[in-house]
PDB file of N, CA and C in Angstrom:
ATOM      1  N   MET A   1     110.497 108.927 105.187  1.00  0.00           N
ATOM      2  CA  MET A   1     110.084 107.608 105.627  1.00  0.00           C
ATOM      3  C   MET A   1     108.612 107.423 105.256  1.00  0.00           C
ATOM      4  N   ILE A   2     108.284 106.232 104.788  1.00  0.00           N
ATOM      5  CA  ILE A   2     106.920 105.837 104.443  1.00  0.00           C
ATOM      6  C   ILE A   2     106.453 104.835 105.494  1.00  0.00           C
ATOM      7  N   THR A   3     105.232 105.005 105.967  1.00  0.00           N
ATOM      8  CA  THR A   3     104.648 104.024 106.881  1.00  0.00           C
ATOM      9  C   THR A   3     103.333 103.543 106.291  1.00  0.00           C
ATOM     10  N   ARG A   4     103.183 102.230 106.220  1.00  0.00           N
ATOM     11  CA  ARG A   4     101.942 101.616 105.759  1.00  0.00           C
ATOM     12  C   ARG A   4     101.211 101.085 106.977  1.00  0.00           C
ATOM     13  N   TYR A   5     100.004 101.587 107.171  1.00  0.00           N
ATOM     14  CA  TYR A   5      99.173 101.183 108.299  1.00  0.00           C
ATOM     15  C   TYR A   5      98.130 100.183 107.844  1.00  0.00           C
ATOM     16  N   ALA A   6      97.916  99.158 108.644  1.00  0.00           N
ATOM     17  CA  ALA A   6      96.777  98.254 108.489  1.00  0.00           C
ATOM     18  C   ALA A   6      95.860  98.542 109.671  1.00  0.00           C
ATOM     19  N   LEU A   7      94.685  99.037 109.374  1.00  0.00           N
ATOM     20  CA  LEU A   7      93.721  99.410 110.408  1.00  0.00           C
ATOM     21  C   LEU A   7      92.646  98.334 110.485  1.00  0.00           C
ATOM     22  N   PHE A   8      92.581  97.668 111.608  1.00  0.00           N
ATOM     23  CA  PHE A   8      91.574  96.639 111.847  1.00  0.00           C
ATOM     24  C   PHE A   8      90.372  97.330 112.472  1.00  0.00           C
ATOM     25  N   GLN A   9      89.387  97.651 111.645  1.00  0.00           N
ATOM     26  CA  GLN A   9      88.211  98.377 112.117  1.00  0.00           C
ATOM     27  C   GLN A   9      87.087  97.381 112.351  1.00  0.00           C
ATOM     28  N   GLY A  10      86.601  97.344 113.586  1.00  0.00           N
ATOM     29  CA  GLY A  10      85.551  96.402 113.958  1.00  0.00           C
ATOM     30  C   GLY A  10      85.703  96.015 115.407  1.00  0.00           C
ATOM     31  N   SER A  11      85.367  94.780 115.705  1.00  0.00           N
ATOM     32  CA  SER A  11      85.424  94.342 117.097  1.00  0.00           C
ATOM     33  C   SER A  11      85.972  92.933 117.206  1.00  0.00           C
ATOM     34  N   ILE A  12      86.572  92.676 118.347  1.00  0.00           N
ATOM     35  CA  ILE A  12      87.041  91.332 118.673  1.00  0.00           C
ATOM     36  C   ILE A  12      85.851  90.558 119.210  1.00  0.00           C
ATOM     37  N   LYS A  13      85.749  89.303 118.818  1.00  0.00           N
ATOM     38  CA  LYS A  13      84.639  88.463 119.272  1.00  0.00           C
ATOM     39  C   LYS A  13      84.651  88.362 120.796  1.00  0.00           C
ATOM     40  N   ASP A  14      83.471  88.238 121.379  1.00  0.00           N
ATOM     41  CA  ASP A  14      83.310  88.219 122.834  1.00  0.00           C
ATOM     42  C   ASP A  14      84.269  87.242 123.508  1.00  0.00           C
ATOM     43  N   GLY A  15      84.949  87.745 124.509  1.00  0.00           N
ATOM     44  CA  GLY A  15      85.840  86.921 125.318  1.00  0.00           C
ATOM     45  C   GLY A  15      87.142  86.531 124.645  1.00  0.00           C
ATOM     46  N   GLN A  16      87.457  87.131 123.504  1.00  0.00           N
ATOM     47  CA  GLN A  16      88.621  86.696 122.734  1.00  0.00           C
ATOM     48  C   GLN A  16      89.754  87.733 122.661  1.00  0.00           C
ATOM     49  N   VAL A  17      89.698  88.773 123.477  1.00  0.00           N
ATOM     50  CA  VAL A  17      90.710  89.835 123.391  1.00  0.00           C
ATOM     51  C   VAL A  17      92.115  89.276 123.602  1.00  0.00           C
ATOM     52  N   ASP A  18      92.320  88.527 124.669  1.00  0.00           N
ATOM     53  CA  ASP A  18      93.665  88.000 124.945  1.00  0.00           C
ATOM     54  C   ASP A  18      94.127  87.047 123.855  1.00  0.00           C
ATOM     55  N   ALA A  19      93.234  86.193 123.368  1.00  0.00           N
ATOM     56  CA  ALA A  19      93.587  85.249 122.304  1.00  0.00           C
ATOM     57  C   ALA A  19      93.927  85.992 121.015  1.00  0.00           C
ATOM     58  N   PHE A  20      93.151  87.024 120.681  1.00  0.00           N
ATOM     59  CA  PHE A  20      93.409  87.840 119.491  1.00  0.00           C
ATOM     60  C   PHE A  20      94.795  88.469 119.573  1.00  0.00           C
ATOM     61  N   ARG A  21      95.083  89.095 120.689  1.00  0.00           N
ATOM     62  CA  ARG A  21      96.377  89.757 120.853  1.00  0.00           C
ATOM     63  C   ARG A  21      97.528  88.763 120.826  1.00  0.00           C
ATOM     64  N   SER A  22      97.377  87.658 121.515  1.00  0.00           N
ATOM     65  CA  SER A  22      98.432  86.634 121.526  1.00  0.00           C
ATOM     66  C   SER A  22      98.668  86.073 120.133  1.00  0.00           C
ATOM     67  N   PHE A  23      97.585  85.814 119.402  1.00  0.00           N
ATOM     68  CA  PHE A  23      97.716  85.291 118.043  1.00  0.00           C
ATOM     69  C   PHE A  23      98.519  86.257 117.187  1.00  0.00           C
ATOM     70  N   ALA A  24      98.193  87.540 117.248  1.00  0.00           N
ATOM     71  CA  ALA A  24      98.907  88.537 116.451  1.00  0.00           C
ATOM     72  C   ALA A  24     100.387  88.575 116.819  1.00  0.00           C
ATOM     73  N   LEU A  25     100.679  88.618 118.107  1.00  0.00           N
ATOM     74  CA  LEU A  25     102.068  88.728 118.556  1.00  0.00           C
ATOM     75  C   LEU A  25     102.875  87.475 118.235  1.00  0.00           C
ATOM     76  N   GLU A  26     102.283  86.311 118.407  1.00  0.00           N
ATOM     77  CA  GLU A  26     103.017  85.061 118.233  1.00  0.00           C
ATOM     78  C   GLU A  26     103.100  84.601 116.781  1.00  0.00           C
ATOM     79  N   ASN A  27     102.073  84.866 115.989  1.00  0.00           N
ATOM     80  CA  ASN A  27     102.009  84.313 114.638  1.00  0.00           C
ATOM     81  C   ASN A  27     102.250  85.336 113.529  1.00  0.00           C
ATOM     82  N   LEU A  28     101.886  86.575 113.769  1.00  0.00           N
ATOM     83  CA  LEU A  28     102.010  87.572 112.709  1.00  0.00           C
ATOM     84  C   LEU A  28     103.235  88.460 112.833  1.00  0.00           C
ATOM     85  N   VAL A  29     103.586  88.871 114.036  1.00  0.00           N
ATOM     86  CA  VAL A  29     104.750  89.737 114.189  1.00  0.00           C
ATOM     87  C   VAL A  29     106.010  89.104 113.579  1.00  0.00           C
ATOM     88  N   PRO A  30     106.280  87.819 113.812  1.00  0.00           N
ATOM     89  CA  PRO A  30     107.478  87.244 113.180  1.00  0.00           C
ATOM     90  C   PRO A  30     107.456  87.346 111.651  1.00  0.00           C
ATOM     91  N   LEU A  31     106.283  87.213 111.048  1.00  0.00           N
ATOM     92  CA  LEU A  31     106.174  87.361 109.596  1.00  0.00           C
ATOM     93  C   LEU A  31     106.361  88.810 109.176  1.00  0.00           C
ATOM     94  N   TRP A  32     105.702  89.732 109.874  1.00  0.00           N
ATOM     95  CA  TRP A  32     105.817  91.149 109.531  1.00  0.00           C
ATOM     96  C   TRP A  32     107.257  91.633 109.627  1.00  0.00           C
ATOM     97  N   LYS A  33     108.008  91.099 110.590  1.00  0.00           N
ATOM     98  CA  LYS A  33     109.409  91.498 110.746  1.00  0.00           C
ATOM     99  C   LYS A  33     110.283  91.007 109.593  1.00  0.00           C
ATOM    100  N   GLN A  34     109.786  90.045 108.813  1.00  0.00           N
ATOM    101  CA  GLN A  34     110.527  89.512 107.675  1.00  0.00           C
ATOM    102  C   GLN A  34     110.306  90.307 106.385  1.00  0.00           C
ATOM    103  N   PHE A  35     109.412  91.284 106.385  1.00  0.00           N
ATOM    104  CA  PHE A  35     109.148  92.050 105.172  1.00  0.00           C
ATOM    105  C   PHE A  35     110.437  92.753 104.742  1.00  0.00           C
ATOM    106  N   THR A  36     110.891  92.462 103.552  1.00  0.00           N
ATOM    107  CA  THR A  36     112.115  93.032 103.007  1.00  0.00           C
ATOM    108  C   THR A  36     112.049  94.553 103.039  1.00  0.00           C
ATOM    109  N   GLY A  37     113.104  95.180 103.540  1.00  0.00           N
ATOM    110  CA  GLY A  37     113.198  96.635 103.529  1.00  0.00           C
ATOM    111  C   GLY A  37     112.510  97.335 104.680  1.00  0.00           C
ATOM    112  N   ALA A  38     111.750  96.605 105.494  1.00  0.00           N
ATOM    113  CA  ALA A  38     111.071  97.244 106.625  1.00  0.00           C
ATOM    114  C   ALA A  38     112.103  97.733 107.630  1.00  0.00           C
ATOM    115  N   THR A  39     111.902  98.956 108.100  1.00  0.00           N
ATOM    116  CA  THR A  39     112.825  99.513 109.091  1.00  0.00           C
ATOM    117  C   THR A  39     112.234  99.493 110.498  1.00  0.00           C
ATOM    118  N   GLU A  40     110.914  99.343 110.592  1.00  0.00           N
ATOM    119  CA  GLU A  40     110.264  99.323 111.895  1.00  0.00           C
ATOM    120  C   GLU A  40     108.898  98.655 111.755  1.00  0.00           C
ATOM    121  N   VAL A  41     108.566  97.827 112.734  1.00  0.00           N
ATOM    122  CA  VAL A  41     107.242  97.202 112.818  1.00  0.00           C
ATOM    123  C   VAL A  41     106.658  97.578 114.170  1.00  0.00           C
ATOM    124  N   ARG A  42     105.472  98.203 114.137  1.00  0.00           N
ATOM    125  CA  ARG A  42     104.779  98.564 115.375  1.00  0.00           C
ATOM    126  C   ARG A  42     103.390  97.946 115.361  1.00  0.00           C
ATOM    127  N   VAL A  43     103.035  97.321 116.465  1.00  0.00           N
ATOM    128  CA  VAL A  43     101.712  96.727 116.641  1.00  0.00           C
ATOM    129  C   VAL A  43     101.080  97.410 117.843  1.00  0.00           C
ATOM    130  N   MET A  44      99.945  98.038 117.597  1.00  0.00           N
ATOM    131  CA  MET A  44      99.272  98.789 118.653  1.00  0.00           C
ATOM    132  C   MET A  44      97.885  98.205 118.879  1.00  0.00           C
ATOM    133  N   PHE A  45      97.601  97.871 120.139  1.00  0.00           N
ATOM    134  CA  PHE A  45      96.292  97.358 120.533  1.00  0.00           C
ATOM    135  C   PHE A  45      95.531  98.474 121.237  1.00  0.00           C
ATOM    136  N   SER A  46      94.282  98.632 120.865  1.00  0.00           N
ATOM    137  CA  SER A  46      93.462  99.703 121.427  1.00  0.00           C
ATOM    138  C   SER A  46      93.164  99.458 122.897  1.00  0.00           C
ATOM    139  N   GLU A  47      93.303 100.495 123.677  1.00  0.00           N
ATOM    140  CA  GLU A  47      92.981 100.452 125.103  1.00  0.00           C
ATOM    141  C   GLU A  47      91.784 101.327 125.434  1.00  0.00           C
ATOM    142  N   ASP A  48      91.551 102.368 124.638  1.00  0.00           N
ATOM    143  CA  ASP A  48      90.463 103.308 124.919  1.00  0.00           C
ATOM    144  C   ASP A  48      90.215 104.129 123.661  1.00  0.00           C
ATOM    145  N   ARG A  49      89.052 104.773 123.584  1.00  0.00           N
ATOM    146  CA  ARG A  49      88.746 105.656 122.468  1.00  0.00           C
ATOM    147  C   ARG A  49      87.678 106.647 122.896  1.00  0.00           C
ATOM    148  N   ASP A  50      87.536 107.714 122.145  1.00  0.00           N
ATOM    149  CA  ASP A  50      86.493 108.694 122.415  1.00  0.00           C
ATOM    150  C   ASP A  50      85.121 108.047 122.249  1.00  0.00           C
ATOM    151  N   GLU A  51      84.164 108.540 123.010  1.00  0.00           N
ATOM    152  CA  GLU A  51      82.798 108.058 122.881  1.00  0.00           C
ATOM    153  C   GLU A  51      82.317 108.277 121.448  1.00  0.00           C
ATOM    154  N   GLY A  52      81.758 107.234 120.859  1.00  0.00           N
ATOM    155  CA  GLY A  52      81.243 107.313 119.502  1.00  0.00           C
ATOM    156  C   GLY A  52      82.271 107.103 118.412  1.00  0.00           C
ATOM    157  N   ALA A  53      83.550 107.022 118.768  1.00  0.00           N
ATOM    158  CA  ALA A  53      84.601 106.814 117.764  1.00  0.00           C
ATOM    159  C   ALA A  53      84.573 105.367 117.274  1.00  0.00           C
ATOM    160  N   PRO A  54      84.968 105.141 116.018  1.00  0.00           N
ATOM    161  CA  PRO A  54      85.025 103.760 115.525  1.00  0.00           C
ATOM    162  C   PRO A  54      86.061 102.959 116.306  1.00  0.00           C
ATOM    163  N   GLU A  55      85.852 101.668 116.346  1.00  0.00           N
ATOM    164  CA  GLU A  55      86.733 100.780 117.100  1.00  0.00           C
ATOM    165  C   GLU A  55      87.822 100.223 116.187  1.00  0.00           C
ATOM    166  N   PHE A  56      89.079 100.368 116.632  1.00  0.00           N
ATOM    167  CA  PHE A  56      90.237  99.810 115.945  1.00  0.00           C
ATOM    168  C   PHE A  56      91.019  98.976 116.953  1.00  0.00           C
ATOM    169  N   PRO A  57      90.683  97.695 117.127  1.00  0.00           N
ATOM    170  CA  PRO A  57      91.374  96.893 118.141  1.00  0.00           C
ATOM    171  C   PRO A  57      92.849  96.623 117.843  1.00  0.00           C
ATOM    172  N   LEU A  58      93.237  96.772 116.568  1.00  0.00           N
ATOM    173  CA  LEU A  58      94.632  96.559 116.191  1.00  0.00           C
ATOM    174  C   LEU A  58      94.983  97.549 115.090  1.00  0.00           C
ATOM    175  N   ILE A  59      96.126  98.189 115.251  1.00  0.00           N
ATOM    176  CA  ILE A  59      96.704  99.013 114.197  1.00  0.00           C
ATOM    177  C   ILE A  59      98.138  98.539 114.008  1.00  0.00           C
ATOM    178  N   LEU A  60      98.442  98.137 112.785  1.00  0.00           N
ATOM    179  CA  LEU A  60      99.793  97.704 112.417  1.00  0.00           C
ATOM    180  C   LEU A  60     100.447  98.831 111.634  1.00  0.00           C
ATOM    181  N   ALA A  61     101.678  99.167 111.961  1.00  0.00           N
ATOM    182  CA  ALA A  61     102.432 100.171 111.222  1.00  0.00           C
ATOM    183  C   ALA A  61     103.789  99.579 110.850  1.00  0.00           C
ATOM    184  N   ILE A  62     104.057  99.510 109.549  1.00  0.00           N
ATOM    185  CA  ILE A  62     105.361  99.046 109.073  1.00  0.00           C
ATOM    186  C   ILE A  62     105.977 100.186 108.271  1.00  0.00           C
ATOM    187  N   SER A  63     107.184 100.586 108.664  1.00  0.00           N
ATOM    188  CA  SER A  63     107.862 101.706 108.012  1.00  0.00           C
ATOM    189  C   SER A  63     108.941 101.213 107.067  1.00  0.00           C
ATOM    190  N   TYR A  64     109.133 102.013 106.009  1.00  0.00           N
ATOM    191  CA  TYR A  64     110.105 101.725 104.956  1.00  0.00           C
ATOM    192  C   TYR A  64     110.819 103.024 104.594  1.00  0.00           C
ATOM    193  N   PRO A  65     112.001 102.926 104.007  1.00  0.00           N
ATOM    194  CA  PRO A  65     112.697 104.151 103.626  1.00  0.00           C
ATOM    195  C   PRO A  65     111.993 104.915 102.505  1.00  0.00           C
ATOM    196  N   ASP A  66     111.263 104.197 101.631  1.00  0.00           N
ATOM    197  CA  ASP A  66     110.589 104.852 100.516  1.00  0.00           C
ATOM    198  C   ASP A  66     109.518 103.927  99.921  1.00  0.00           C
ATOM    199  N   ILE A  67     108.783 104.463  98.966  1.00  0.00           N
ATOM    200  CA  ILE A  67     107.692 103.712  98.324  1.00  0.00           C
ATOM    201  C   ILE A  67     108.215 102.462  97.620  1.00  0.00           C
ATOM    202  N   ALA A  68     109.351 102.574  96.958  1.00  0.00           N
ATOM    203  CA  ALA A  68     109.904 101.426  96.236  1.00  0.00           C
ATOM    204  C   ALA A  68     110.183 100.260  97.178  1.00  0.00           C
ATOM    205  N   ALA A  69     110.721 100.555  98.351  1.00  0.00           N
ATOM    206  CA  ALA A  69     110.988  99.499  99.337  1.00  0.00           C
ATOM    207  C   ALA A  69     109.684  98.881  99.820  1.00  0.00           C
ATOM    208  N   MET A  70     108.668  99.704 100.045  1.00  0.00           N
ATOM    209  CA  MET A  70     107.373  99.188 100.479  1.00  0.00           C
ATOM    210  C   MET A  70     106.768  98.283  99.408  1.00  0.00           C
ATOM    211  N   GLU A  71     106.803  98.726  98.169  1.00  0.00           N
ATOM    212  CA  GLU A  71     106.238  97.925  97.087  1.00  0.00           C
ATOM    213  C   GLU A  71     106.958  96.596  96.944  1.00  0.00           C
ATOM    214  N   ALA A  72     108.269  96.582  97.126  1.00  0.00           N
ATOM    215  CA  ALA A  72     109.032  95.328  97.069  1.00  0.00           C
ATOM    216  C   ALA A  72     108.614  94.405  98.215  1.00  0.00           C
ATOM    217  N   ALA A  73     108.423  94.972  99.395  1.00  0.00           N
ATOM    218  CA  ALA A  73     108.020  94.162 100.555  1.00  0.00           C
ATOM    219  C   ALA A  73     106.669  93.513 100.340  1.00  0.00           C
ATOM    220  N   LEU A  74     105.772  94.188  99.646  1.00  0.00           N
ATOM    221  CA  LEU A  74     104.423  93.660  99.421  1.00  0.00           C
ATOM    222  C   LEU A  74     104.415  92.444  98.495  1.00  0.00           C
ATOM    223  N   GLU A  75     105.545  92.179  97.843  1.00  0.00           N
ATOM    224  CA  GLU A  75     105.652  91.033  96.938  1.00  0.00           C
ATOM    225  C   GLU A  75     106.425  89.864  97.543  1.00  0.00           C
ATOM    226  N   THR A  76     106.848  89.981  98.797  1.00  0.00           N
ATOM    227  CA  THR A  76     107.680  88.943  99.400  1.00  0.00           C
ATOM    228  C   THR A  76     106.844  87.759  99.880  1.00  0.00           C
ATOM    229  N   PRO A  77     107.464  86.575  99.976  1.00  0.00           N
ATOM    230  CA  PRO A  77     106.752  85.405 100.496  1.00  0.00           C
ATOM    231  C   PRO A  77     106.200  85.638 101.908  1.00  0.00           C
ATOM    232  N   ALA A  78     106.935  86.370 102.751  1.00  0.00           N
ATOM    233  CA  ALA A  78     106.451  86.620 104.117  1.00  0.00           C
ATOM    234  C   ALA A  78     105.162  87.424 104.097  1.00  0.00           C
ATOM    235  N   ARG A  79     105.031  88.362 103.172  1.00  0.00           N
ATOM    236  CA  ARG A  79     103.801  89.157 103.081  1.00  0.00           C
ATOM    237  C   ARG A  79     102.641  88.263 102.642  1.00  0.00           C
ATOM    238  N   HIS A  80     102.870  87.400 101.661  1.00  0.00           N
ATOM    239  CA  HIS A  80     101.801  86.502 101.204  1.00  0.00           C
ATOM    240  C   HIS A  80     101.381  85.539 102.306  1.00  0.00           C
ATOM    241  N   LYS A  81     102.343  85.030 103.054  1.00  0.00           N
ATOM    242  CA  LYS A  81     102.028  84.148 104.183  1.00  0.00           C
ATOM    243  C   LYS A  81     101.268  84.919 105.254  1.00  0.00           C
ATOM    244  N   SER A  82     101.649  86.163 105.509  1.00  0.00           N
ATOM    245  CA  SER A  82     100.969  86.943 106.552  1.00  0.00           C
ATOM    246  C   SER A  82      99.510  87.206 106.184  1.00  0.00           C
ATOM    247  N   LYS A  83      99.216  87.359 104.909  1.00  0.00           N
ATOM    248  CA  LYS A  83      97.818  87.529 104.495  1.00  0.00           C
ATOM    249  C   LYS A  83      97.007  86.277 104.832  1.00  0.00           C
ATOM    250  N   GLU A  84      97.599  85.116 104.607  1.00  0.00           N
ATOM    251  CA  GLU A  84      96.937  83.841 104.933  1.00  0.00           C
ATOM    252  C   GLU A  84      96.710  83.721 106.446  1.00  0.00           C
ATOM    253  N   VAL A  85      97.727  84.017 107.227  1.00  0.00           N
ATOM    254  CA  VAL A  85      97.629  83.895 108.685  1.00  0.00           C
ATOM    255  C   VAL A  85      96.679  84.956 109.245  1.00  0.00           C
ATOM    256  N   THR A  86      96.688  86.154 108.675  1.00  0.00           N
ATOM    257  CA  THR A  86      95.737  87.186 109.102  1.00  0.00           C
ATOM    258  C   THR A  86      94.314  86.703 108.867  1.00  0.00           C
ATOM    259  N   GLY A  87      94.081  86.043 107.749  1.00  0.00           N
ATOM    260  CA  GLY A  87      92.752  85.483 107.477  1.00  0.00           C
ATOM    261  C   GLY A  87      92.312  84.496 108.548  1.00  0.00           C
ATOM    262  N   GLN A  88      93.242  83.693 109.032  1.00  0.00           N
ATOM    263  CA  GLN A  88      92.929  82.752 110.115  1.00  0.00           C
ATOM    264  C   GLN A  88      92.545  83.503 111.383  1.00  0.00           C
ATOM    265  N   MET A  89      93.296  84.565 111.698  1.00  0.00           N
ATOM    266  CA  MET A  89      93.015  85.350 112.895  1.00  0.00           C
ATOM    267  C   MET A  89      91.648  86.026 112.787  1.00  0.00           C
ATOM    268  N   VAL A  90      91.373  86.597 111.646  1.00  0.00           N
ATOM    269  CA  VAL A  90      90.094  87.277 111.436  1.00  0.00           C
ATOM    270  C   VAL A  90      88.939  86.280 111.606  1.00  0.00           C
ATOM    271  N   GLU A  91      89.072  85.123 111.000  1.00  0.00           N
ATOM    272  CA  GLU A  91      88.011  84.113 111.089  1.00  0.00           C
ATOM    273  C   GLU A  91      87.736  83.698 112.534  1.00  0.00           C
ATOM    274  N   LYS A  92      88.786  83.531 113.323  1.00  0.00           N
ATOM    275  CA  LYS A  92      88.631  83.048 114.696  1.00  0.00           C
ATOM    276  C   LYS A  92      88.227  84.135 115.683  1.00  0.00           C
ATOM    277  N   TYR A  93      88.752  85.356 115.501  1.00  0.00           N
ATOM    278  CA  TYR A  93      88.671  86.325 116.590  1.00  0.00           C
ATOM    279  C   TYR A  93      88.088  87.701 116.252  1.00  0.00           C
ATOM    280  N   PHE A  94      87.871  88.022 114.989  1.00  0.00           N
ATOM    281  CA  PHE A  94      87.604  89.411 114.624  1.00  0.00           C
ATOM    282  C   PHE A  94      86.401  89.545 113.703  1.00  0.00           C
ATOM    283  N   ASP A  95      85.563  90.527 113.991  1.00  0.00           N
ATOM    284  CA  ASP A  95      84.454  90.900 113.118  1.00  0.00           C
ATOM    285  C   ASP A  95      84.688  92.321 112.634  1.00  0.00           C
ATOM    286  N   GLY A  96      84.956  92.489 111.356  1.00  0.00           N
ATOM    287  CA  GLY A  96      85.183  93.829 110.836  1.00  0.00           C
ATOM    288  C   GLY A  96      85.912  93.797 109.517  1.00  0.00           C
ATOM    289  N   THR A  97      86.557  94.903 109.208  1.00  0.00           N
ATOM    290  CA  THR A  97      87.303  95.032 107.970  1.00  0.00           C
ATOM    291  C   THR A  97      88.716  95.516 108.268  1.00  0.00           C
ATOM    292  N   ILE A  98      89.581  95.317 107.302  1.00  0.00           N
ATOM    293  CA  ILE A  98      90.956  95.789 107.403  1.00  0.00           C
ATOM    294  C   ILE A  98      91.204  96.680 106.194  1.00  0.00           C
ATOM    295  N   HIS A  99      91.691  97.879 106.445  1.00  0.00           N
ATOM    296  CA  HIS A  99      92.066  98.738 105.332  1.00  0.00           C
ATOM    297  C   HIS A  99      93.439  99.328 105.592  1.00  0.00           C
ATOM    298  N   HIS A 100      94.082  99.730 104.504  1.00  0.00           N
ATOM    299  CA  HIS A 100      95.466 100.184 104.571  1.00  0.00           C
ATOM    300  C   HIS A 100      95.579 101.642 104.164  1.00  0.00           C
ATOM    301  N   HIS A 101      96.509 102.329 104.815  1.00  0.00           N
ATOM    302  CA  HIS A 101      96.814 103.724 104.509  1.00  0.00           C
ATOM    303  C   HIS A 101      98.328 103.875 104.488  1.00  0.00           C
ATOM    304  N   VAL A 102      98.839 104.587 103.499  1.00  0.00           N
ATOM    305  CA  VAL A 102     100.271 104.848 103.399  1.00  0.00           C
ATOM    306  C   VAL A 102     100.492 106.320 103.698  1.00  0.00           C
ATOM    307  N   THR A 103     101.436 106.590 104.600  1.00  0.00           N
ATOM    308  CA  THR A 103     101.694 107.964 105.026  1.00  0.00           C
ATOM    309  C   THR A 103     103.162 108.326 104.824  1.00  0.00           C
ATOM    310  N   LEU A 104     103.392 109.607 104.653  1.00  0.00           N
ATOM    311  CA  LEU A 104     104.730 110.175 104.613  1.00  0.00           C
ATOM    312  C   LEU A 104     104.926 110.907 105.932  1.00  0.00           C
ATOM    313  N   ALA A 105     105.944 110.510 106.677  1.00  0.00           N
ATOM    314  CA  ALA A 105     106.140 111.062 108.019  1.00  0.00           C
ATOM    315  C   ALA A 105     106.918 112.372 107.977  1.00  0.00           C
ATOM    316  N   ASN A 106     106.556 113.269 108.877  1.00  0.00           N
ATOM    317  CA  ASN A 106     107.289 114.497 109.154  1.00  0.00           C
ATOM    318  C   ASN A 106     107.580 114.492 110.660  1.00  0.00           C
ATOM    319  N   HIS A 107     108.840 114.632 111.020  1.00  0.00           N
ATOM    320  CA  HIS A 107     109.229 114.597 112.429  1.00  0.00           C
ATOM    321  C   HIS A 107     109.679 116.000 112.876  1.00  0.00           C
ATOM    322  N   PHE A 108     109.272 116.381 114.064  1.00  0.00           N
ATOM    323  CA  PHE A 108     109.642 117.681 114.607  1.00  0.00           C
ATOM    324  C   PHE A 108     110.163 117.489 116.020  1.00  0.00           C
ATOM    325  N   ASP A 109     111.338 118.000 116.288  1.00  0.00           N
ATOM    326  CA  ASP A 109     111.891 117.944 117.641  1.00  0.00           C
ATOM    327  C   ASP A 109     111.139 118.918 118.535  1.00  0.00           C
ATOM    328  N   THR A 110     110.970 118.524 119.802  1.00  0.00           N
ATOM    329  CA  THR A 110     110.280 119.434 120.740  1.00  0.00           C
ATOM    330  C   THR A 110     111.268 120.079 121.675  1.00  0.00           C
TER     331      THR A 110
END
């Protein structure tokens, strides 16, 4: 399984935490769920971090069966629309940068 993470590194504008989170859940999650081939969409909002650690108020994780499926999803209309809507959210509520990381998962039963 491949997971592509979007890491929102920075800070939410003062007094806008609830609006930022609501915007993501109401406007972006429906688009992210439309990405062709996606098997799972996870949206994680930061609640706490180690002292001195960088701030990531939002981490998006979308999983795919393989790289080919992920690459196909990145070309879909829903992905292009989500980039536009993410830009609106960033402009209104977020100061920082967004970067992406692709990981190969290893699962171990406990």
